[in-house]
Amino acid sequence: MSKRISLANSMPLTVGVIMGAFVACYMLAALIAETRIGRPSSTAAIGFLFVPVYSGIVALVGVGIGFLVRAGLKNRGEKDNIPIKHFLLKSAIVLIITSGLAAAIGIKGVVDYETLNVPQLLSNSGELHRTELFREDTPSVEAHAKLIWDFQNESIEAITWNGSEVIANVTQSTKLDLNVKGIGVLHYDVGRYSYLSEIAAMPFPDDSDTDNYFAVLAKLRPTSFRSMLLIYDANGKLVYEELLRRCGRKQYMGIVDGIDEQYLIVDVCSPISVQAKRPHPAPYVGG
């Protein structure tokens, strides 16, 4: 006669093990995926230390839930006693399925986050023209952007744009507020992508050589290797938004004084130019 086990009495330990394993597999899969395909932070390795802590806490919660389940199964009488082989087999199947599901969810979270953070042009109202440049053909800039905020020195002096002072303020490490006299506060939140570590900015001329645009180059988490380029028009409307790949620590933004006009150069990994689109000349009508 095969050995039998009380299903009710086994619930506290069984539920605790399954719930604890679920959390452990989720966390481990996400951490490993981040090191392999993601861009982990400098303190990411600490996460491995929390795996046994969090999974242990959840396992204890599972034990408590298991006691509640046991109370409901106590009234099953003889049906409560089942062959131990069947119990172990079904428990193993549930454990494997839930652990695999947890790992898949953890990996998918990293994949989705990396997909979101792929360098891309997020928006362009059509006023500005973007051009990719070859590094050897990139002209020297005449004026560089000014640092207006960083996480070590938040009280940096204001910058002037169209005769108005612009002061940068960051809250919760992700929310950028540009206080512009005469316009108000321009808000931008990078929380979907990372957090802010440095912000540089400069006025950006349009085709009339008036500083109608304001360009902001925001460096995100140092190990994210991403920066955000934002350009506002004279009314404070965001007209250009691009998530850029950043190579190393150096990045710059500046103005080039061309033959016909001034334009913006941004180089954080590969150089690009951004300039206001000139209106097309009226067609010539012969007389």
Protein backbone atom coordinates (compact mmCIF):
# COMPACT_ATOMS: atom_id res chain seq x y z
CA MET A 1 0.00 0.00 0.00
CA SER A 2 1.45 3.35 -1.02
CA LYS A 3 2.20 5.94 1.60
CA ARG A 4 -0.34 8.69 2.00
CA ILE A 5 -0.15 12.28 3.18
CA SER A 6 -2.60 14.80 4.55
CA LEU A 7 -3.23 17.41 1.89
CA ALA A 8 -4.51 19.86 4.48
CA ASN A 9 -1.48 19.55 6.78
CA SER A 10 0.92 19.96 3.83
CA MET A 11 -0.62 23.25 2.66
CA PRO A 12 1.36 25.71 4.86
CA LEU A 13 4.75 24.44 3.72
CA THR A 14 3.67 23.83 0.12
CA VAL A 15 2.13 27.27 -0.42
CA GLY A 16 5.08 28.92 1.32
CA VAL A 17 7.62 27.15 -0.91
CA ILE A 18 5.72 27.91 -4.12
CA MET A 19 5.25 31.62 -3.31
CA GLY A 20 8.83 32.04 -2.13
CA ALA A 21 10.16 30.30 -5.25
CA PHE A 22 7.99 32.51 -7.45
CA VAL A 23 9.53 35.71 -6.05
CA ALA A 24 13.07 34.29 -6.07
CA CYS A 25 12.81 33.19 -9.72
CA TYR A 26 11.29 36.51 -10.75
CA MET A 27 14.02 38.56 -9.08
CA LEU A 28 16.91 36.35 -10.21
CA ALA A 29 15.69 36.21 -13.81
CA ALA A 30 15.28 40.00 -13.94
CA LEU A 31 18.70 40.64 -12.38
CA ILE A 32 20.49 38.19 -14.67
CA ALA A 33 18.68 39.51 -17.75
CA GLU A 34 19.64 43.06 -16.82
CA THR A 35 23.33 42.12 -16.61
CA ARG A 36 23.18 40.27 -19.95
CA ILE A 37 20.95 42.42 -22.16
CA GLY A 38 20.30 45.56 -20.10
CA ARG A 39 22.30 48.45 -18.71
CA PRO A 40 22.50 47.78 -14.97
CA SER A 41 23.25 50.52 -12.49
CA SER A 42 26.50 50.59 -10.54
CA THR A 43 24.69 49.14 -7.51
CA ALA A 44 22.71 46.47 -9.38
CA ALA A 45 24.73 43.62 -7.83
CA ILE A 46 23.28 44.51 -4.43
CA GLY A 47 19.96 43.25 -5.72
CA PHE A 48 21.17 39.66 -5.46
CA LEU A 49 21.51 40.14 -1.70
CA PHE A 50 17.83 40.99 -1.42
CA VAL A 51 16.61 37.89 -3.26
CA PRO A 52 16.69 35.57 -0.21
CA VAL A 53 15.30 38.34 2.01
CA TYR A 54 12.27 39.16 -0.13
CA SER A 55 11.59 35.56 -1.14
CA GLY A 56 11.83 34.51 2.53
CA ILE A 57 9.32 37.18 3.55
CA VAL A 58 6.90 36.15 0.82
CA ALA A 59 7.38 32.49 1.76
CA LEU A 60 6.33 33.30 5.33
CA VAL A 61 3.25 35.06 3.98
CA GLY A 62 2.58 31.95 1.93
CA VAL A 63 2.81 29.80 5.04
CA GLY A 64 0.15 31.97 6.65
CA ILE A 65 -2.08 31.59 3.59
CA GLY A 66 -1.41 27.86 3.70
CA PHE A 67 -2.81 27.67 7.24
CA LEU A 68 -6.01 29.31 6.01
CA VAL A 69 -6.23 26.79 3.18
CA ARG A 70 -5.59 23.96 5.64
CA ALA A 71 -8.54 25.07 7.75
CA GLY A 72 -10.78 24.82 4.70
CA LEU A 73 -9.49 21.34 3.77
CA LYS A 74 -9.81 19.82 7.22
CA ASN A 75 -13.47 18.94 6.60
CA ARG A 76 -12.73 16.70 3.62
CA GLY A 77 -12.33 13.58 5.80
CA GLU A 78 -10.85 10.61 3.94
CA LYS A 79 -10.43 12.66 0.79
CA ASP A 80 -7.77 14.62 2.60
CA ASN A 81 -5.40 11.67 2.61
CA ILE A 82 -3.82 11.26 -0.83
CA PRO A 83 -0.90 9.16 -2.13
CA ILE A 84 2.36 10.92 -1.39
CA LYS A 85 3.67 10.21 -4.91
CA HIS A 86 0.72 12.00 -6.48
CA PHE A 87 1.13 14.89 -4.10
CA LEU A 88 4.84 15.32 -4.80
CA LEU A 89 4.34 15.03 -8.56
CA LYS A 90 1.56 17.62 -8.69
CA SER A 91 3.41 19.94 -6.33
CA ALA A 92 6.53 19.72 -8.50
CA ILE A 93 4.51 20.50 -11.63
CA VAL A 94 2.93 23.54 -9.98
CA LEU A 95 6.32 24.67 -8.68
CA ILE A 96 7.95 24.36 -12.11
CA ILE A 97 5.11 26.16 -13.91
CA THR A 98 4.90 29.04 -11.44
CA SER A 99 8.69 29.44 -11.28
CA GLY A 100 8.95 29.42 -15.06
CA LEU A 101 6.16 31.98 -15.31
CA ALA A 102 7.90 34.19 -12.75
CA ALA A 103 11.19 34.00 -14.67
CA ALA A 104 9.42 34.84 -17.94
CA ILE A 105 7.73 37.87 -16.35
CA GLY A 106 11.06 39.07 -14.94
CA ILE A 107 12.85 38.74 -18.29
CA LYS A 108 9.98 40.36 -20.18
CA GLY A 109 10.15 43.36 -17.87
CA VAL A 110 13.81 43.91 -18.78
CA VAL A 111 13.14 43.39 -22.51
CA ASP A 112 10.24 45.86 -22.47
CA TYR A 113 12.34 48.43 -20.61
CA GLU A 114 15.20 48.08 -23.11
CA THR A 115 12.75 48.41 -26.00
CA LEU A 116 11.44 51.63 -24.46
CA ASN A 117 15.01 52.94 -24.10
CA VAL A 118 16.11 52.30 -27.68
CA PRO A 119 17.59 55.57 -29.04
CA GLN A 120 14.84 57.15 -31.10
CA LEU A 121 13.28 60.39 -32.25
CA LEU A 122 10.29 60.68 -29.94
CA SER A 123 8.67 63.77 -31.46
CA ASN A 124 9.31 66.54 -33.96
CA SER A 125 6.71 69.18 -34.76
CA GLY A 126 8.22 69.63 -38.20
CA GLU A 127 9.86 72.99 -37.51
CA LEU A 128 13.33 71.49 -37.18
CA HIS A 129 15.47 69.47 -39.54
CA ARG A 130 17.75 66.73 -38.16
CA THR A 131 20.84 65.53 -40.01
CA GLU A 132 23.33 62.81 -39.08
CA LEU A 133 26.95 63.84 -39.57
CA PHE A 134 30.23 62.03 -40.16
CA ARG A 135 32.62 62.70 -37.31
CA GLU A 136 35.45 63.76 -39.60
CA ASP A 137 33.16 66.32 -41.24
CA THR A 138 31.69 67.72 -38.04
CA PRO A 139 32.48 71.45 -37.79
CA SER A 140 33.81 73.05 -34.64
CA VAL A 141 31.25 74.80 -32.49
CA GLU A 142 31.44 78.52 -31.80
CA ALA A 143 29.58 78.42 -28.47
CA HIS A 144 28.97 75.56 -26.06
CA ALA A 145 25.91 74.79 -23.99
CA LYS A 146 25.95 75.90 -20.38
CA LEU A 147 25.61 73.53 -17.44
CA ILE A 148 22.46 74.60 -15.57
CA TRP A 149 21.94 71.66 -13.17
CA ASP A 150 23.69 68.55 -11.89
CA PHE A 151 23.04 66.24 -8.96
CA GLN A 152 26.10 67.51 -7.07
CA ASN A 153 25.45 71.22 -7.57
CA GLU A 154 21.82 72.23 -7.94
CA SER A 155 22.33 75.96 -7.32
CA ILE A 156 23.88 76.82 -10.69
CA GLU A 157 23.21 80.30 -12.05
CA ALA A 158 20.43 80.98 -14.53
CA ILE A 159 20.79 81.15 -18.29
CA THR A 160 19.26 83.87 -20.49
CA TRP A 161 16.86 83.06 -23.33
CA ASN A 162 15.16 85.80 -25.35
CA GLY A 163 15.87 88.28 -22.57
CA SER A 164 14.36 86.04 -19.86
CA GLU A 165 16.16 84.09 -17.14
CA VAL A 166 15.77 80.31 -17.16
CA ILE A 167 16.37 78.40 -13.94
CA ALA A 168 16.40 74.59 -13.84
CA ASN A 169 14.97 72.65 -10.93
CA VAL A 170 14.74 68.87 -10.54
CA THR A 171 12.46 67.02 -8.13
CA GLN A 172 12.39 63.31 -7.33
CA SER A 173 15.46 62.96 -9.59
CA THR A 174 13.22 62.59 -12.66
CA LYS A 175 11.06 65.72 -12.97
CA LEU A 176 12.66 68.68 -14.72
CA ASP A 177 11.13 72.14 -14.28
CA LEU A 178 12.46 75.03 -16.37
CA ASN A 179 11.30 78.26 -14.77
CA VAL A 180 11.12 80.86 -17.55
CA LYS A 181 10.16 84.40 -16.69
CA GLY A 182 7.32 85.57 -18.89
CA ILE A 183 6.34 82.04 -19.95
CA GLY A 184 6.02 79.99 -16.78
CA VAL A 185 7.32 76.56 -15.85
CA LEU A 186 8.16 74.01 -18.55
CA HIS A 187 7.73 70.49 -17.18
CA TYR A 188 9.36 67.29 -18.41
CA ASP A 189 9.50 63.89 -16.67
CA VAL A 190 12.14 61.28 -17.61
CA GLY A 191 10.83 58.74 -15.10
CA ARG A 192 9.87 56.28 -17.85
CA TYR A 193 13.51 56.06 -18.91
CA SER A 194 15.78 56.75 -15.94
CA TYR A 195 16.76 59.63 -13.69
CA LEU A 196 18.55 62.92 -14.35
CA SER A 197 22.22 63.42 -13.53
CA GLU A 198 23.18 66.54 -15.51
CA ILE A 199 21.46 69.22 -17.59
CA ALA A 200 23.03 71.59 -20.10
CA ALA A 201 21.16 74.16 -22.17
CA MET A 202 21.54 77.00 -24.64
CA PRO A 203 19.44 79.30 -26.82
CA PHE A 204 19.06 78.02 -30.35
CA PRO A 205 18.57 80.48 -33.26
CA ASP A 206 15.90 80.13 -35.92
CA ASP A 207 16.27 81.15 -39.54
CA SER A 208 16.04 84.82 -38.56
CA ASP A 209 19.05 84.50 -36.23
CA THR A 210 16.79 85.19 -33.25
CA ASP A 211 17.11 82.88 -30.26
CA ASN A 212 13.55 81.63 -30.56
CA TYR A 213 14.44 78.07 -29.60
CA PHE A 214 15.83 76.71 -26.34
CA ALA A 215 17.80 73.43 -26.48
CA VAL A 216 18.21 71.20 -23.44
CA LEU A 217 20.58 68.24 -23.29
CA ALA A 218 19.77 66.09 -20.26
CA LYS A 219 22.18 63.37 -19.23
CA LEU A 220 20.32 60.45 -17.71
CA ARG A 221 21.69 57.86 -15.25
CA PRO A 222 25.47 57.63 -15.91
CA THR A 223 25.39 53.87 -16.57
CA SER A 224 22.26 54.10 -18.72
CA PHE A 225 24.31 55.44 -21.66
CA ARG A 226 21.37 57.61 -22.68
CA SER A 227 20.75 61.35 -22.96
CA MET A 228 17.60 63.29 -23.81
CA LEU A 229 17.56 66.20 -26.25
CA LEU A 230 14.66 68.63 -25.82
CA ILE A 231 14.00 71.78 -27.86
CA TYR A 232 11.35 74.36 -27.01
CA ASP A 233 10.04 77.16 -29.21
CA ALA A 234 9.69 80.81 -28.20
CA ASN A 235 6.29 80.11 -26.59
CA GLY A 236 7.64 77.30 -24.42
CA LYS A 237 6.14 74.52 -26.53
CA LEU A 238 8.16 71.32 -26.81
CA VAL A 239 8.82 70.96 -30.55
CA TYR A 240 11.60 68.35 -30.56
CA GLU A 241 12.33 65.36 -28.34
CA GLU A 242 14.95 62.67 -28.94
CA LEU A 243 16.42 59.90 -26.82
CA LEU A 244 20.11 59.64 -27.73
CA ARG A 245 22.72 56.96 -27.26
CA ARG A 246 25.59 58.25 -25.13
CA CYS A 247 29.10 56.83 -25.41
CA GLY A 248 31.26 57.30 -22.35
CA ARG A 249 31.03 60.31 -20.07
CA LYS A 250 31.72 63.11 -22.52
CA GLN A 251 28.92 64.84 -24.38
CA TYR A 252 28.55 68.29 -25.82
CA MET A 253 26.09 70.57 -27.53
CA GLY A 254 26.98 73.79 -29.30
CA ILE A 255 26.20 76.28 -32.03
CA VAL A 256 27.94 76.32 -35.39
CA ASP A 257 28.06 79.60 -37.27
CA GLY A 258 27.54 78.45 -40.85
CA ILE A 259 27.80 80.43 -44.05
CA ASP A 260 24.06 81.05 -44.32
CA GLU A 261 22.82 80.40 -40.80
CA GLN A 262 23.60 79.13 -37.34
CA TYR A 263 22.61 75.62 -36.32
CA LEU A 264 22.86 73.23 -33.41
CA ILE A 265 25.40 70.41 -33.13
CA VAL A 266 24.88 67.59 -30.61
CA ASP A 267 27.51 64.89 -30.12
CA VAL A 268 26.98 62.31 -27.38
CA CYS A 269 27.98 59.26 -29.41
CA SER A 270 27.55 60.16 -33.07
CA PRO A 271 27.15 63.81 -34.12
CA ILE A 272 23.91 65.25 -35.42
CA SER A 273 22.87 68.74 -36.49
CA VAL A 274 19.49 70.32 -35.84
CA GLN A 275 18.40 73.48 -37.59
CA ALA A 276 15.25 75.45 -38.24
CA LYS A 277 13.66 74.68 -41.58
CA ARG A 278 13.88 77.59 -43.95
CA PRO A 279 10.72 78.51 -45.83
CA HIS A 280 10.76 77.53 -49.48
CA PRO A 281 11.24 80.54 -51.78
CA ALA A 282 8.30 81.54 -53.90
CA PRO A 283 8.46 80.02 -57.38
CA TYR A 284 9.76 82.36 -60.11
CA VAL A 285 7.17 83.46 -62.59
CA GLY A 286 8.68 84.81 -65.78
CA GLY A 287 7.33 88.03 -67.22
